[in-house]
Amino acid sequence: MSKEKIIIKPAITKDQLRLDVEKLVHGDGMSYTEAIIEICEQTEIDPEDIAKLVKGPLKSKLEVEAMDRNIIKRTTTTLY
């Protein structure tokens, strides 16, 4: 009996998420929040799971958007 390696690829990578979100934001005029939720629905990934992939510049842009909408408290530093 031969042993085969089983490779499980993630449904979406951090870089792919960033690219897809930017495409929706700049191409379709969505907010960052709307774009992330849209990708969650398209890929059938729970938002809590996709949150682990939101890092770096994407996270900063999402935070700025949340501060602009008074969802989170504004910090004294500019994030982008």
C-alpha atoms as a PDB file:
ATOM      1  CA  MET A   1       0.000   0.000   0.000  1.00  0.00           C
ATOM      2  CA  SER A   2       1.559   3.296  -1.063  1.00  0.00           C
ATOM      3  CA  LYS A   3       1.525   6.274   1.207  1.00  0.00           C
ATOM      4  CA  GLU A   4       0.178   9.370  -0.475  1.00  0.00           C
ATOM      5  CA  LYS A   5       0.684  12.790   0.958  1.00  0.00           C
ATOM      6  CA  ILE A   6      -2.523  14.677   1.472  1.00  0.00           C
ATOM      7  CA  ILE A   7      -2.095  18.393   1.012  1.00  0.00           C
ATOM      8  CA  ILE A   8      -4.808  20.667   2.305  1.00  0.00           C
ATOM      9  CA  LYS A   9      -4.684  24.150   0.852  1.00  0.00           C
ATOM     10  CA  PRO A  10      -6.391  27.055   2.594  1.00  0.00           C
ATOM     11  CA  ALA A  11      -9.523  28.377   0.906  1.00  0.00           C
ATOM     12  CA  ILE A  12      -7.886  31.812   0.740  1.00  0.00           C
ATOM     13  CA  THR A  13      -4.486  33.193   1.654  1.00  0.00           C
ATOM     14  CA  LYS A  14      -3.678  36.467   3.378  1.00  0.00           C
ATOM     15  CA  ASP A  15      -2.334  37.946   0.129  1.00  0.00           C
ATOM     16  CA  GLN A  16      -5.309  36.756  -1.910  1.00  0.00           C
ATOM     17  CA  LEU A  17      -7.692  38.235   0.661  1.00  0.00           C
ATOM     18  CA  ARG A  18      -5.895  41.576   0.480  1.00  0.00           C
ATOM     19  CA  LEU A  19      -6.006  41.617  -3.324  1.00  0.00           C
ATOM     20  CA  ASP A  20      -9.669  40.605  -3.460  1.00  0.00           C
ATOM     21  CA  VAL A  21     -10.667  43.224  -0.882  1.00  0.00           C
ATOM     22  CA  GLU A  22      -8.776  46.010  -2.676  1.00  0.00           C
ATOM     23  CA  LYS A  23     -10.402  44.964  -5.963  1.00  0.00           C
ATOM     24  CA  LEU A  24     -13.891  45.221  -4.445  1.00  0.00           C
ATOM     25  CA  VAL A  25     -13.141  48.495  -2.661  1.00  0.00           C
ATOM     26  CA  HIS A  26     -11.594  50.287  -5.616  1.00  0.00           C
ATOM     27  CA  GLY A  27     -13.499  48.558  -8.420  1.00  0.00           C
ATOM     28  CA  ASP A  28     -16.981  48.214  -6.950  1.00  0.00           C
ATOM     29  CA  GLY A  29     -16.942  51.079  -4.435  1.00  0.00           C
ATOM     30  CA  MET A  30     -17.498  48.878  -1.389  1.00  0.00           C
ATOM     31  CA  SER A  31     -16.210  49.717   2.060  1.00  0.00           C
ATOM     32  CA  TYR A  32     -13.484  47.479   3.488  1.00  0.00           C
ATOM     33  CA  THR A  33     -16.000  45.925   5.861  1.00  0.00           C
ATOM     34  CA  GLU A  34     -18.470  45.206   3.058  1.00  0.00           C
ATOM     35  CA  ALA A  35     -15.713  43.734   0.891  1.00  0.00           C
ATOM     36  CA  ILE A  36     -14.549  41.366   3.627  1.00  0.00           C
ATOM     37  CA  ILE A  37     -18.111  40.217   4.329  1.00  0.00           C
ATOM     38  CA  GLU A  38     -18.698  39.696   0.592  1.00  0.00           C
ATOM     39  CA  ILE A  39     -15.581  37.523   0.368  1.00  0.00           C
ATOM     40  CA  CYS A  40     -16.713  35.550   3.436  1.00  0.00           C
ATOM     41  CA  GLU A  41     -20.030  34.845   1.714  1.00  0.00           C
ATOM     42  CA  GLN A  42     -18.413  33.931  -1.620  1.00  0.00           C
ATOM     43  CA  THR A  43     -15.898  31.547  -0.053  1.00  0.00           C
ATOM     44  CA  GLU A  44     -18.262  30.311   2.668  1.00  0.00           C
ATOM     45  CA  ILE A  45     -15.730  31.171   5.366  1.00  0.00           C
ATOM     46  CA  ASP A  46     -16.887  32.343   8.781  1.00  0.00           C
ATOM     47  CA  PRO A  47     -15.901  35.988   9.458  1.00  0.00           C
ATOM     48  CA  GLU A  48     -14.206  34.907  12.697  1.00  0.00           C
ATOM     49  CA  ASP A  49     -11.951  32.601  10.691  1.00  0.00           C
ATOM     50  CA  ILE A  50     -11.129  35.178   8.041  1.00  0.00           C
ATOM     51  CA  ALA A  51     -10.244  37.705  10.753  1.00  0.00           C
ATOM     52  CA  LYS A  52      -7.029  35.729  11.314  1.00  0.00           C
ATOM     53  CA  LEU A  53      -5.937  36.723   7.794  1.00  0.00           C
ATOM     54  CA  VAL A  54      -6.599  40.455   8.219  1.00  0.00           C
ATOM     55  CA  LYS A  55      -3.122  41.832   8.904  1.00  0.00           C
ATOM     56  CA  GLY A  56      -0.804  44.659   7.932  1.00  0.00           C
ATOM     57  CA  PRO A  57      -2.106  47.418   5.643  1.00  0.00           C
ATOM     58  CA  LEU A  58      -5.527  45.781   5.272  1.00  0.00           C
ATOM     59  CA  LYS A  59      -5.997  45.782   9.039  1.00  0.00           C
ATOM     60  CA  SER A  60      -4.901  49.421   9.228  1.00  0.00           C
ATOM     61  CA  LYS A  61      -7.364  50.476   6.531  1.00  0.00           C
ATOM     62  CA  LEU A  62     -10.155  48.569   8.252  1.00  0.00           C
ATOM     63  CA  GLU A  63      -9.323  50.294  11.560  1.00  0.00           C
ATOM     64  CA  VAL A  64      -9.363  53.751   9.933  1.00  0.00           C
ATOM     65  CA  GLU A  65     -12.731  52.963   8.367  1.00  0.00           C
ATOM     66  CA  ALA A  66     -14.094  51.851  11.744  1.00  0.00           C
ATOM     67  CA  MET A  67     -12.795  55.028  13.408  1.00  0.00           C
ATOM     68  CA  ASP A  68     -14.361  57.200  10.682  1.00  0.00           C
ATOM     69  CA  ARG A  69     -17.696  55.502  11.350  1.00  0.00           C
ATOM     70  CA  ASN A  70     -17.277  55.826  15.136  1.00  0.00           C
ATOM     71  CA  ILE A  71     -17.326  52.060  15.539  1.00  0.00           C
ATOM     72  CA  ILE A  72     -14.052  52.062  17.449  1.00  0.00           C
ATOM     73  CA  LYS A  73     -12.396  54.802  19.447  1.00  0.00           C
ATOM     74  CA  ARG A  74     -10.147  57.107  17.431  1.00  0.00           C
ATOM     75  CA  THR A  75      -6.439  56.851  18.222  1.00  0.00           C
ATOM     76  CA  THR A  76      -4.008  59.740  18.066  1.00  0.00           C
ATOM     77  CA  THR A  77      -1.926  58.170  15.293  1.00  0.00           C
ATOM     78  CA  THR A  78      -2.859  58.038  11.643  1.00  0.00           C
ATOM     79  CA  LEU A  79      -2.899  54.485  10.327  1.00  0.00           C
ATOM     80  CA  TYR A  80      -2.765  55.276   6.601  1.00  0.00           C
END
